[in-house]
Every structure is written in C-alpha cells, then in structure tokens.
Amino acid sequence: MSVKAFELVPAVERDLLMGDKARINIECIECCGKHLYLGTNDCFIHHFLLDEVTSSKGKLGYSAQKLLHKYLGLKKAVAELRAASALERLIVLCDGIVFLVDMVTLETVPSAAGGGAKIRGVTAFCINENPVNGDPFCVEMGVLSSKRRTVQIYMVHKDKVQLVKEVSTPEQPCAVSLDGYFLCLALATQYMILNYNTGASQDLFPYNSEERRPIVKRIGREEFLLAAPGGLGMFANAEGVSQRAPVNWSESVIGAAVCFPYVVALDENFITIHSMLDQQLKQTLSFRDGHILQDFEGKVILASTKAVYVLVPLPLERQIQDLLASHRVEEAIILTEGAQRNIPKDKFQILHKRILQQAGFIQFGQLQFLEAKEHFRKGQLDMRELISLYPLLMPASSPFTRCHPPLHEFADLNHLAQSDQEKVLRCKKFLISYLGEVRSTEVANGCREDVDTALLKLYAEQDHESLLDLLASDNACLLADSVPWLEKYHKYFALGLLYHYNGQDSAALQLWIRVVDGDLQDSTRSDLYEYIVDFLYSCSNLDLIWKYADWALRRDPTIGVQIFTKRPATKELTELNQDDVVTYLEKHSQALLLYLEHLVLERRTQKEKFHTHLAVLYLERVLLLLSKSPTEGEQLTRARDRLQALLRESNLYRAQFVLGKMENCEHLLPERATLHGKLEEHDRALHILVHKLRDYPSAEAFCTWASCNRDSAYRQQLFHLLLEVYLDKDLPGNSPDLEMAAVDLLNGHGEVFDAARVLRMLPEGWSLQLLRPFLGRAVRASMHACRTSQIALGLSHSENLQLLHDRLKERKKPIFVSEKKGCHLCHNTFSEPNVVCLPGGVPVHTHCAAQRVRDSPTKRQLTNSSNHT
C-alpha cells in the first residue's frame, strides 16, 4: 500500500562539485547543521553551506554554496568523514589512516606534545553517539584494524587521539557501530553484539560478507539495524533480541537509514521506504548510480558519484490525510500513533483525536458501525458532529457549528446514503444505539440537551420501545423541539410524560384525558385510564386531584375512587382531609361507599361518623334491594352479609340511630337482634331470635358473640338468660321444640352453666336421661374445680411450711456484738449485750430501734435477741 512519504530534492549539483573535472567521484559525505562535507576519490574534501529554500508553492528545496575545498596530500580516496562539532574537527579516514581536520579551514591538525593525532592501519571507524565518558569536549570512537582481530576504543581530543580499550573478536570485523558500551559488529561470517566493558558477547545470525556488503546501523539507544540474509532488514537490541518485525527489502541493499517511522534503504536503482510500524513497503523512488545513504540528525542525504540529494519527508499530517483520503484508516492511525514520540504531547493529543474522529466518519460512511463507534469513543467525538448529519435532529436553538476544517465529506445523511432508505435506516439504528450508550457518560457533557432531544426524535420516529424509559428517567429533552415531533408521530402518552418531567402536570393530564376520551389516537397504553388514576393518587398538587377526580369517578367509580383510597401517607405527599373527601364523594354514591369501606374496614379509622355513615349506606342498599320485585337474591344476600358483619364487628357506630331506621322492617330481624345486643338489650335480642325467627342456633351464636371478650360470669348470665327464654311458660306460643332447644343448649354448653341453678329451673317432669350429657359434664366440672382447689390449697400449705422453716433457721442464727462493733443507727459501740436485730440480721441498740419505730410512719418488725460475747 503506497504512500508518498518523501520527496527527493537536489542539494549539490554535478557542476557545482566538479566543474569540468569529469573523473571526480563522491566517496563519502558528512553533514553537521548547515555544513556539508564531501570526500572525493581525488583525496579532496569539499565544504558546502546548505540552506533550506521554500518555493512559492510551499515545497522545500536546498541551495548549496561552496565555501572551500582542500587536498589532503594523499594518493587514495577519502573513505570516511565524521564531524566532531564540539571539537570543531572532522575525523577523516583516508588511505587506512585516521586523522583530524579543522572543520573551518580543512587544515590537518598537527599532533600535540605527548600524543599523536593519527591512527594507522584502519579499515573502518564509528562515533559513539551515546558516549559513556562524561567529558563534552571528548569524542569516543570505535576503530577496526586491518591487521588484527580487534576493536579499539579511542578518545578523540582537539589535537590528539588516545587509545583507552582494545577488545578481541573471534573473526576479522568488517563493519562496526557503537552505542554506550555495546559494539555491534559484522564479522566475516556473522553478526554479533559485544560489551567492551565486560567482554560479554552475543552471536546474532550468520552472514557472508563476501557475497554482499554488510550493514550495521545504530538507529536508537541500544538498538541497531542489520542487513540479514534473504533480503531482510533485521532489528536487534543490545541484548541480542529483536523487538520489531523485520522489513523485507532488496537483496542488493548498499545503505540504510531510519527516519522514524520509516526505514529507508538504497540499492543500485531504487530507494525503498518501509514502515517500521507495519513493515509494509510504502514508497519506491528511482535513484540510479546511488552508492551513499546516510542520516544526519533526522536529515536523510543520498549521493551518487556526481551529485548529492536530500530525501525530504512530507509533513506527517499530510501523509496521514493522504492515507485517510484513500480510506486507509488503520494505516493512518498506526502512522499517527507511531509518531507520538516525535511530537509534543499536547499537539499529539489534538492530532490523535482528530485522526480518530476522521477515521470514525470514514468507517461510518462505509457502514462499519462497530469500528466507527470505537474510533468515535477513543477520539472523544463531540456527538453533535454526528447528530448534525441527520436532518432535523439538532434542536433549532442549538449554537453548535461543525468543526473546521470538516471531519468528513458528507453534507448530510441523504448525501451519505445516496437516498438508499435501507442505509438511512441502518444509520439511524446505529445512532440510537450509540447515543443511548453515551448520553450518561462524560462524552455528552456540555451537549446533553442536544443528545437527549435527538434521541427522543429518533425513538418517536422509529416507534422505539425505549422512548418511555428515556422520558421516565432523568433527561434533558428540550420541550420546544420535542412537542411537535411527538405530536407528529402521535406519541401523546410520551408527550404527557415530558410535560410531567418539566413540571406541567396539568397539561399532561389534559392530553391523556383526551386520549382516553377518544379525541386523540395513541395506542401506547391500553390502560391509560388506570395510569391517570395512579398518577393522581401519587400527585402532590391537591388542586389537580380535586380538578380531575370528578372525571375519573364519572368514568369508573370503582377505579376512580383509588385516587383517594390508594394515596400513600408519606412526608412528600400531603394527606387528604377525610371529611373533605367524604363531602366530595356525596354525588358519587358507589365511590363514597368504597371510600368509607376503605376507612372503616381497611384503615380501621376510629371515627363514629364514618362507621355510622357506612352502616346507613349498607342498610339503604339492603332496603333498596328488598323494595325491588322480584328481589335479587344473590345481591341481597351479599348486601345483608356485609351489613351484619359491620354491625357485629364495629363498636363505633350509633346503634340506636341505625336501629331507628329499621324499626318497622320485619325483614331485618337478625340485624335488629344484633343492634339490641350492641345496646345491651339482650332479652329483646333473644326474644327476636327465639320467638320471631325460631332460629335457635343463631340464638346460641348470639350469646357466644355478645359475651366475647367478657368475663365468664357475663357469659354465664347470657346463657342462663337464653335458657330462661326457652323455659318461659308465660309467653304464648311456647312449644315442645323450645324444650328440645333448651335440652340441646344444656348438653352443648354445659360447662357454661351453674348446675345447681339449672336444676332449680328445670321442670320436674324432665327425664334425667335427656340431661345425661349435661349432668355428666357438670359433675366432671365440679370434681375438677374441687380437685384444683385442693391442689392449690396443698401448694399454699407447702409454701407456708417452707417460709416457717426459713424463719426458724434465721432466728437460730447467733448475732455477735462486741465493744468493737458499732450500732447501725447511731454508730456508737455496744456497752451491753441487749440488742435489737433489724430484718437482715443487723444489730442496733434497743433505744435506737425504739426511737426509729416512733419516728417511722409505719412500724417495722423487730426481732429481740440476747447474745453473749
């Protein structure tokens, strides 16, 4: 995948270098700042001043000015040049001799006293760009000897060179590079790493130096680039480990350099440029007769035999934009992230975010939504850039304007999708998903209103199930933009929720009521009426409750009354006045009945008027059903059951008042009997049950009910009263069935009666066989009571004996007094043995005890005892 990363620019033209001397060839180059030095085959050094020139079109070029050239006085070509700018010296290798030359005058530096400035028998040398010596005016140099299998380490001073270390190698080295203490060597058959300080070595891989020229290039701290077999450019660190994948270059590479993030290689016909990030070939430039490639402080310089060129890198941003323009997203991102170390942190963060955002839009345009979302997230995209692509989604009041220069080439979604509705729909579904994920994160900070409003519009348009969740939760939807959109898609229930969220509960209720009444169509909720009721009973605005409760009650009183019955009693909600509610419900009889049932039966309200009111309503309902012809049997039974249950269980209603309303109704005798019982008129109640209704089981049940929570005497009195009613011969209509009822009463509840009293009441002619169960139970009860009392008496007697025994033991205990002991009351010592003992065995003087008795409001029991010391 090609990319234009560099341009080849002429620096020193042929004519400027050689003039009319056709046989002059460039053998080596060195660049220090603007100063360019060339070594030629005729033993000359040429010094040029190289200035950067920018054309009218913004292209970078170079203008060379020749300052000086100098003949070195030897017969061989200049093989190598290295600048030591701190010393103002050039280190020159010519005819196997290393010597120093002045950088300005190009004069050879004479040897200083006590040390030489020349090294003989040298095949190659290198400068340590990561010196271990701390002297800034001294250069470290590694030298290969032509006669010995060694590497020599020299210190180069201004006018002398000094040997400091010599290390042996297993083979004759032919190329070297130095970093700190580490030597990277190309031997005759292999590459190796050698620590000249410790002597430790690490073989790398085999290599035949006779077949091709070895390359050993330092590219960074303790990292080297090597030409490996098979046309590979291998990376190796000081530990002999490759931490980067190799690049696949030409078999005939003669030079290499690194201009991060690229590896530049030179062969006989081409310059190839590979990426160190993905190892791919990015650019190829034609360059014939090239034989030198060097990099100097980030500047890559090439030379043929006749001219010098500079490989000028294109600006990084331009390279990245070119990649993005050809939709090579991943390469653009890799290039951006790989260049991080060469860009200031703040500038890199801005560039990185923008590239990620652009990459996201490219993949969005290709409908690669997962990749686009990830790049939007990492690039911290302002969500409005994406929302603004969708027509009408941005709120009209939003101040947002798109980024400039733009992040993408699309006018809007229709332009992107080319009117393909399927693509449009997919893009909208993506935006729904993405906005839903980021709306509650930091990405939406500062644009929450735009994000939520856009999301609401999409939900409404797509009939999305999350619309209600959005409006029921914390949101920033703009009311002015959202209302017409929700109305357009008939989302009236959702619009009501939005009104409610914005504090416009009245508008919400009016809208929902119109939907329930059929004026507006919205099928969102089939139970909207019930929802309105729930909304009202939890509403904090009492005015709204009174205003809209009438509509709810008229529509369905059984559900509408829940506005009042389900209202929770909390600190946030003001409790409705019960009297006001009852007054309000007077015109809704069914709702009023349900509300009073709620107060009396569920909340157990202890107010007489509510109990009485409910009893009267129950009674009126029963009377209404009784007046109908024919009567509705099942409804009447249920109504009477409710009335009777209330009359039995409640103790708060006005019994006399209720009784007055049914006094002349012969159909409500059981109810009248219950009311007489509440008024303690048990004889009248039993008279109704026994003589008018002939309902003997009910009469017995009445006695049980009326004596509930009362003592046994009261219960016995009631049952004796019932027995008297059964046996009363003075009343007309007395029949044998009453006698049988009396027998059943005695046999069924024998334990309640006083047996002796019953026997005096019974007619003389009754058979004992009839009363056998009663008499048997009475005898057993009497025997049980007798035996129980005997047991209690025996237990009391035993307890009394135990107390007497304990008292005797206490009285037999001696009480010791002496002249050393004091009275507990006066605290004086005892002078005679006569003392009085207080309860607990405390001895006191007799006169002190007497005085205490006189002063005490209640006399205490004292025990006299005489003791001898």
Foldseek 3Di string as FASTA:
>chain_A
DAFAFWDKAFWFFQCNPQPPNPPKFWQEWEDDPQWIWTWIFQQKIWIWGWDWDADPVGDIYIYIDTDDMDHPPDRGTWHYWDDLVLLQWIFTATPQKTAIARVRPRHTAAADPPAGRMDGQFQDKEWAPAEPDPDSQWTWMWTFGNPFQKIWIWIHHNHHIGTDFIDGDPARFNDWYHYYQWIWTDGQWFIKIARRVVRDIGTADTDHCVVAPWDWADADHQKTWIQDPPQWTFIAGNVNDGPFDIARHDPAWQDWYDQPQWIWTDGQFWIWIAGSQPNDTHDIDTDHQWRDWDADPNWIKTDHGRGIITIGTDPLVVRLVVCVVVLVLVVSLSSLVRCCVVDPPVVSLLVNLLSLQLNLVSVVLVVVLVSSLVSCVVSLPQCVLVLVQAPLLFDPPDPDDADPVHSDDHPHDCRSVVVPVVSVVSSLVSLLVSLVVPLPDPSCPPPQQSSLSSNLLSCLVVVNPCNQVSLQDDGNHDLVSNVVSNVVSQVLQSNLSNCVVVVNNVVSLVSLVCCVVPVGPDVPDPVSLLVVLVCLLADQDVVVNLVCLVVSCVVPLVSSLCSQLVRDDDPSHDHDDPVVVLVSCPVPLVNNLVVLCSVCVPVVPQAQVSLQVNLVSLVVVLVVQVPDVPHDVVVNVVSVVVNQVSLLPDLRYDLVVSCVVCVPPPVCLQSNLSSCLSVVVNLVSLCSCCVVVVPLVVLVVSLVSSCPPHDLVSSQVSLVSNLCVLLPPVDPPNDVVSVVSSLCSLLVPLVSYDVVVVVVSDDPPDDVVSNVSSVVVNVVVVVVVVVVVVVVVVVVVVVVVVVVVVVVVVVPDDQDFDQVAAAPQPRHHDPFQWWKAAPVGGTHHPVSLVVVQVPDPHGGDIHTDGDDD
